[in-house]
C-alpha cells in the first residue's frame, strides 16, 4: 500500500481515478470536493462514508456468514456504540480473522489527520492529501479482504444479492447470535422485550 502522496489536489484526483471502480463509485464526490472546496470537506465526506461502510460490513457479514435475520441484525449493528477498537473486535468475531496490520495502520494515518481537523487543530495540506489517499487505499484493501472472507465488497454502491439464497435464522435466534458475536445496546433490549 503506502502510495506516494500527491503534491496537489489534481494528484489526489489521479489517485482516485486509478482506484478500483467500486471505490470510485462509493466516493464519487471526491473529484468535485477536492477541486472546489477545502480538503477538509473531502475528508469529512470520506469519513462519513467510511463509517457507513464499516457498519454495512458488519451487517452484511452477519447476514452472509451467520445467516442472521435482516431486521434484527440491522438493529443490533445500528444501535451498537462503535469505537475504532470495538470495530476491530467485532470484525474478528464476524469474519473470523483480524484486520491486517497494514490496513489498520493505513486507516490510523488518515484518522490522525481527521482528529486534528475535528478538534480544531491545524493540519498541513500535504497531511490532508495523505489522509484522502490513505482512505482510498484502505477502502480498496478492505474490499479485497472482505471479498476473500465473505464474497462481497463493502465499499460499493450495489450490494444486491450479497446473501444469495440462504435462508435466514429466526429473529429471536439472531438476537442470541448477535449477542454472541459481541453486539450490545438498545437492540438487545428491544429483542428481549418482543
Protein backbone atom coordinates (compact mmCIF):
# COMPACT_ATOMS: atom_id res chain seq x y z
CA UNK A 1 0.00 0.00 0.00
CA UNK A 2 1.56 3.30 1.17
CA UNK A 3 1.26 5.10 -2.12
CA UNK A 4 3.26 8.23 -2.88
CA UNK A 5 1.41 11.32 -1.67
CA UNK A 6 0.47 13.71 -4.47
CA UNK A 7 1.61 17.32 -4.33
CA UNK A 8 -1.73 18.83 -5.37
CA UNK A 9 -5.47 18.21 -5.43
CA UNK A 10 -5.09 17.15 -9.09
CA UNK A 11 -2.77 14.38 -7.94
CA UNK A 12 -5.39 13.27 -5.41
CA UNK A 13 -7.93 13.06 -8.23
CA UNK A 14 -5.47 10.94 -10.23
CA UNK A 15 -5.09 8.53 -7.30
CA UNK A 16 -8.88 8.38 -7.02
CA UNK A 17 -9.23 7.66 -10.77
CA UNK A 18 -6.64 4.87 -10.50
CA UNK A 19 -8.54 3.19 -7.67
CA UNK A 20 -10.94 0.24 -8.19
CA UNK A 21 -14.30 1.11 -9.79
CA UNK A 22 -16.26 0.16 -6.63
CA UNK A 23 -14.18 2.56 -4.54
CA UNK A 24 -14.60 5.32 -7.13
CA UNK A 25 -18.37 4.81 -7.10
CA UNK A 26 -18.50 4.78 -3.31
CA UNK A 27 -16.54 8.04 -3.03
CA UNK A 28 -17.85 9.55 -6.27
CA UNK A 29 -17.94 13.14 -4.96
CA UNK A 30 -14.19 13.27 -4.29
CA UNK A 31 -13.05 14.88 -7.58
CA UNK A 32 -15.59 17.68 -7.17
CA UNK A 33 -14.91 18.17 -3.48
CA UNK A 34 -11.13 18.39 -3.72
CA UNK A 35 -11.31 20.80 -6.66
CA UNK A 36 -13.98 23.13 -5.32
CA UNK A 37 -13.61 23.10 -1.51
CA UNK A 38 -11.05 22.94 1.25
CA UNK A 39 -9.64 19.40 1.53
CA UNK A 40 -11.25 19.18 4.98
CA UNK A 41 -14.65 18.89 3.27
CA UNK A 42 -13.48 15.85 1.30
CA UNK A 43 -12.03 14.28 4.44
CA UNK A 44 -15.30 14.81 6.32
CA UNK A 45 -17.28 13.29 3.45
CA UNK A 46 -14.95 10.30 3.21
CA UNK A 47 -15.09 9.57 6.93
CA UNK A 48 -18.89 9.70 6.90
CA UNK A 49 -18.88 7.22 4.00
CA UNK A 50 -16.23 5.13 5.79
CA UNK A 51 -18.35 4.81 8.93
CA UNK A 52 -21.32 3.75 6.82
CA UNK A 53 -19.21 1.10 5.06
CA UNK A 54 -17.89 -0.25 8.37
CA UNK A 55 -21.42 -0.71 9.70
CA UNK A 56 -22.55 -2.20 6.40
CA UNK A 57 -19.58 -4.55 6.51
CA UNK A 58 -20.57 -5.94 9.92
CA UNK A 59 -24.25 -6.18 8.98
CA UNK A 60 -23.59 -7.92 5.67
CA UNK A 61 -21.03 -10.21 7.29
CA UNK A 62 -23.52 -11.29 9.95
CA UNK A 63 -26.15 -11.86 7.27
CA UNK A 64 -23.93 -13.71 4.81
CA UNK A 65 -21.67 -15.75 7.09
CA UNK A 66 -24.02 -16.38 10.01
CA UNK A 67 -27.43 -16.26 8.27
CA UNK A 68 -28.66 -13.51 10.61
CA UNK A 69 -32.23 -12.23 10.28
CA UNK A 70 -32.09 -8.93 8.35
CA UNK A 71 -34.09 -6.61 10.62
CA UNK A 72 -32.62 -7.98 13.84
CA UNK A 73 -29.04 -7.83 12.57
CA UNK A 74 -29.57 -4.28 11.31
CA UNK A 75 -31.00 -3.21 14.66
CA UNK A 76 -28.01 -4.64 16.56
CA UNK A 77 -25.41 -3.08 14.27
CA UNK A 78 -27.23 0.25 14.05
CA UNK A 79 -27.59 0.67 17.80
CA UNK A 80 -24.16 -0.62 18.84
CA UNK A 81 -21.76 2.06 20.12
CA UNK A 82 -18.80 1.73 17.77
CA UNK A 83 -15.24 2.76 18.55
CA UNK A 84 -12.14 2.04 16.50
CA UNK A 85 -11.08 -0.77 18.82
CA UNK A 86 -14.63 -2.11 19.01
CA UNK A 87 -14.92 -2.29 15.23
CA UNK A 88 -11.75 -4.38 15.00
CA UNK A 89 -13.06 -6.74 17.71
CA UNK A 90 -16.43 -7.15 16.00
CA UNK A 91 -14.78 -7.63 12.61
CA UNK A 92 -12.73 -10.50 14.06
CA UNK A 93 -15.86 -12.02 15.61
CA UNK A 94 -17.97 -11.73 12.46
CA UNK A 95 -15.35 -12.62 9.83
CA UNK A 96 -13.10 -14.92 11.88
CA UNK A 97 -9.91 -13.01 11.09
CA UNK A 98 -8.06 -9.97 12.31
CA UNK A 99 -7.78 -6.96 10.04
CA UNK A 100 -4.17 -6.99 8.81
CA UNK A 101 -1.84 -4.50 10.47
CA UNK A 102 -1.02 -2.74 7.20
CA UNK A 103 -4.71 -1.89 6.76
CA UNK A 104 -5.19 -0.72 10.36
CA UNK A 105 -2.03 1.40 10.04
CA UNK A 106 -3.29 2.90 6.77
CA UNK A 107 -6.57 3.90 8.41
CA UNK A 108 -4.82 5.16 11.55
CA UNK A 109 -2.73 7.54 9.43
CA UNK A 110 -5.89 9.10 7.98
CA UNK A 111 -7.61 9.14 11.40
CA UNK A 112 -4.79 11.18 12.93
CA UNK A 113 -5.36 13.91 10.35
CA UNK A 114 -9.14 13.74 10.78
CA UNK A 115 -8.76 14.02 14.56
CA UNK A 116 -6.66 17.18 14.20
CA UNK A 117 -9.27 18.74 11.92
CA UNK A 118 -12.24 17.76 14.07
CA UNK A 119 -10.57 19.16 17.19
CA UNK A 120 -9.78 22.49 15.55
CA UNK A 121 -6.03 21.91 15.20
CA UNK A 122 -4.08 22.78 12.10
CA UNK A 123 -3.17 20.18 9.52
CA UNK A 124 -0.97 20.86 6.52
CA UNK A 125 -2.45 20.40 3.05
CA UNK A 126 0.07 17.59 2.46
CA UNK A 127 -1.36 15.78 5.51
CA UNK A 128 -4.89 16.29 4.21
CA UNK A 129 -3.94 14.88 0.81
CA UNK A 130 -2.26 11.96 2.59
CA UNK A 131 -5.44 11.27 4.58
CA UNK A 132 -7.57 11.18 1.43
CA UNK A 133 -5.13 8.83 -0.32
CA UNK A 134 -4.93 6.57 2.72
CA UNK A 135 -8.74 6.32 2.87
CA UNK A 136 -8.82 5.32 -0.80
CA UNK A 137 -6.14 2.69 -0.11
CA UNK A 138 -7.98 1.42 2.96
CA UNK A 139 -11.27 1.07 1.06
CA UNK A 140 -9.59 -0.90 -1.71
CA UNK A 141 -7.76 -3.12 0.77
CA UNK A 142 -10.88 -3.82 2.83
CA UNK A 143 -12.84 -4.63 -0.32
CA UNK A 144 -10.22 -7.25 -1.21
CA UNK A 145 -10.10 -8.67 2.32
CA UNK A 146 -13.88 -8.90 2.80
CA UNK A 147 -14.32 -10.31 -0.70
CA UNK A 148 -11.85 -13.07 0.18
CA UNK A 149 -13.52 -13.80 3.54
CA UNK A 150 -17.21 -13.37 2.65
CA UNK A 151 -17.63 -12.82 -1.08
CA UNK A 152 -18.82 -9.20 -1.08
CA UNK A 153 -17.22 -5.75 -1.23
CA UNK A 154 -18.44 -3.24 1.39
CA UNK A 155 -17.11 -0.12 -0.35
CA UNK A 156 -19.56 -0.21 -3.23
CA UNK A 157 -22.89 1.33 -4.15
CA UNK A 158 -24.51 -2.01 -5.06
CA UNK A 159 -24.81 -4.88 -2.59
CA UNK A 160 -27.79 -6.57 -4.23
CA UNK A 161 -27.67 -10.33 -3.92
CA UNK A 162 -24.79 -10.43 -1.41
CA UNK A 163 -26.57 -13.05 0.73
CA UNK A 164 -27.66 -15.40 -2.00
CA UNK A 165 -30.49 -17.85 -1.48
CA UNK A 166 -29.61 -18.96 2.04
CA UNK A 167 -32.49 -18.94 4.49
CA UNK A 168 -32.09 -16.60 7.45
CA UNK A 169 -32.31 -17.56 11.08
CA UNK A 170 -35.41 -16.61 13.07
CA UNK A 171 -35.30 -13.14 14.63
CA UNK A 172 -35.09 -14.48 18.21
CA UNK A 173 -32.23 -16.82 17.27
CA UNK A 174 -30.47 -13.94 15.54
CA UNK A 175 -30.74 -11.92 18.73
CA UNK A 176 -28.70 -14.58 20.54
CA UNK A 177 -26.31 -14.83 17.61
CA UNK A 178 -25.64 -11.09 17.58
CA UNK A 179 -25.05 -11.07 21.33
CA UNK A 180 -22.64 -13.97 20.89
CA UNK A 181 -20.78 -12.03 18.21
CA UNK A 182 -20.38 -9.20 20.73
CA UNK A 183 -23.07 -6.71 19.76
CA UNK A 184 -24.89 -4.95 22.59
CA UNK A 185 -27.05 -1.91 23.07
CA UNK A 186 -30.65 -0.98 22.61
CA UNK A 187 -31.23 -3.73 20.06
CA UNK A 188 -30.58 -6.39 22.67
CA UNK A 189 -33.13 -4.83 25.00
CA UNK A 190 -35.68 -4.43 22.17
CA UNK A 191 -35.23 -8.04 21.05
CA UNK A 192 -35.63 -9.35 24.61
CA UNK A 193 -38.87 -7.37 25.07
CA UNK A 194 -40.51 -8.86 21.95
